[in-house]
Amino acid sequence: MNIYVGNLSFQAENNDVGDLFAAYGEVTSARVITDRDTGRARGFGFVEMASDEAGQKAIDGLNDQEFMGRNLSLIHISEPTR
């Protein structure tokens, strides 16, 4: 399952997000999107979970929950982010 992760802290890194989601199941990828010119995080990213069940558990458990000072906004997306 592919998940859009919005309202991320600008200090969040790929491993921070991956570790957070790993509590709900196997994470196949976690990517914080960065600005091409500055390299700074843009406040959103994408997580790929190995199963739809794990992805739904993560959405149910983390949506609107505080992480690194901001409340996350999670949305299931149907297409891979690669």
Protein backbone atom coordinates (compact mmCIF):
# COMPACT_ATOMS: atom_id res chain seq x y z
CA MET A 1 0.00 0.00 0.00
CA ASN A 2 1.24 3.46 -0.88
CA ILE A 3 0.59 6.26 1.59
CA TYR A 4 0.94 10.03 1.18
CA VAL A 5 2.24 11.56 4.41
CA GLY A 6 1.43 15.24 4.72
CA ASN A 7 2.25 17.91 7.29
CA LEU A 8 5.63 16.39 8.10
CA SER A 9 8.11 18.33 10.19
CA PHE A 10 10.77 19.99 8.06
CA GLN A 11 13.35 18.18 10.25
CA ALA A 12 11.94 14.71 9.44
CA GLU A 13 14.19 12.38 7.48
CA ASN A 14 13.50 9.15 5.60
CA ASN A 15 14.58 6.92 8.49
CA ASP A 16 12.44 8.86 11.01
CA VAL A 17 9.32 8.27 8.93
CA GLY A 18 10.23 4.66 8.17
CA ASP A 19 10.79 3.90 11.84
CA LEU A 20 7.45 5.45 12.77
CA PHE A 21 5.53 3.33 10.25
CA ALA A 22 7.49 0.14 11.03
CA ALA A 23 5.48 -0.21 14.25
CA TYR A 24 2.50 -1.11 12.02
CA GLY A 25 4.18 -3.58 9.67
CA GLU A 26 6.89 -3.99 7.06
CA VAL A 27 7.91 -0.75 5.35
CA THR A 28 9.29 -1.27 1.85
CA SER A 29 10.21 2.40 1.37
CA ALA A 30 9.91 5.74 3.14
CA ARG A 31 10.77 8.94 1.32
CA VAL A 32 10.63 12.53 2.52
CA ILE A 33 10.43 14.87 -0.47
CA THR A 34 13.10 17.55 -0.56
CA ASP A 35 13.51 20.77 -2.50
CA ARG A 36 15.69 20.21 -5.54
CA ASP A 37 17.66 23.44 -5.07
CA THR A 38 18.07 23.68 -1.30
CA GLY A 39 17.82 20.03 -0.21
CA ARG A 40 15.40 21.04 2.56
CA ALA A 41 12.40 18.86 3.33
CA ARG A 42 9.18 20.12 1.76
CA GLY A 43 6.84 18.89 4.52
CA PHE A 44 5.48 15.75 2.86
CA GLY A 45 6.55 12.30 1.76
CA PHE A 46 5.49 8.82 0.76
CA VAL A 47 5.58 5.47 2.55
CA GLU A 48 5.14 2.09 0.92
CA MET A 49 3.93 -0.71 3.17
CA ALA A 50 4.36 -4.38 2.24
CA SER A 51 0.66 -5.17 2.72
CA ASP A 52 -2.64 -3.33 2.50
CA GLU A 53 -3.50 -4.53 5.99
CA ALA A 54 -0.34 -2.99 7.49
CA GLY A 55 -0.92 0.20 5.52
CA GLN A 56 -4.48 0.55 6.76
CA LYS A 57 -3.35 -0.05 10.36
CA ALA A 58 -0.75 2.70 9.95
CA ILE A 59 -3.32 5.12 8.51
CA ASP A 60 -5.79 4.32 11.30
CA GLY A 61 -3.12 4.67 13.98
CA LEU A 62 -1.18 7.68 12.74
CA ASN A 63 -3.59 9.96 10.87
CA ASP A 64 -3.94 13.28 12.73
CA GLN A 65 -1.39 12.13 15.35
CA GLU A 66 1.48 14.36 16.46
CA PHE A 67 4.93 13.49 15.12
CA MET A 68 7.92 15.78 15.63
CA GLY A 69 5.63 18.66 16.62
CA ARG A 70 3.08 18.41 13.76
CA ASN A 71 -0.12 16.43 13.25
CA LEU A 72 0.24 14.03 10.31
CA SER A 73 -2.21 13.84 7.43
CA LEU A 74 -2.23 10.40 5.78
CA ILE A 75 -3.97 9.39 2.55
CA HIS A 76 -3.93 6.03 0.77
CA ILE A 77 -2.83 6.48 -2.84
CA SER A 78 -3.38 3.86 -5.50
CA GLU A 79 -0.32 4.30 -7.71
CA PRO A 80 3.31 3.58 -6.74
CA THR A 81 5.39 6.70 -6.00
CA ARG A 82 8.45 5.60 -7.98
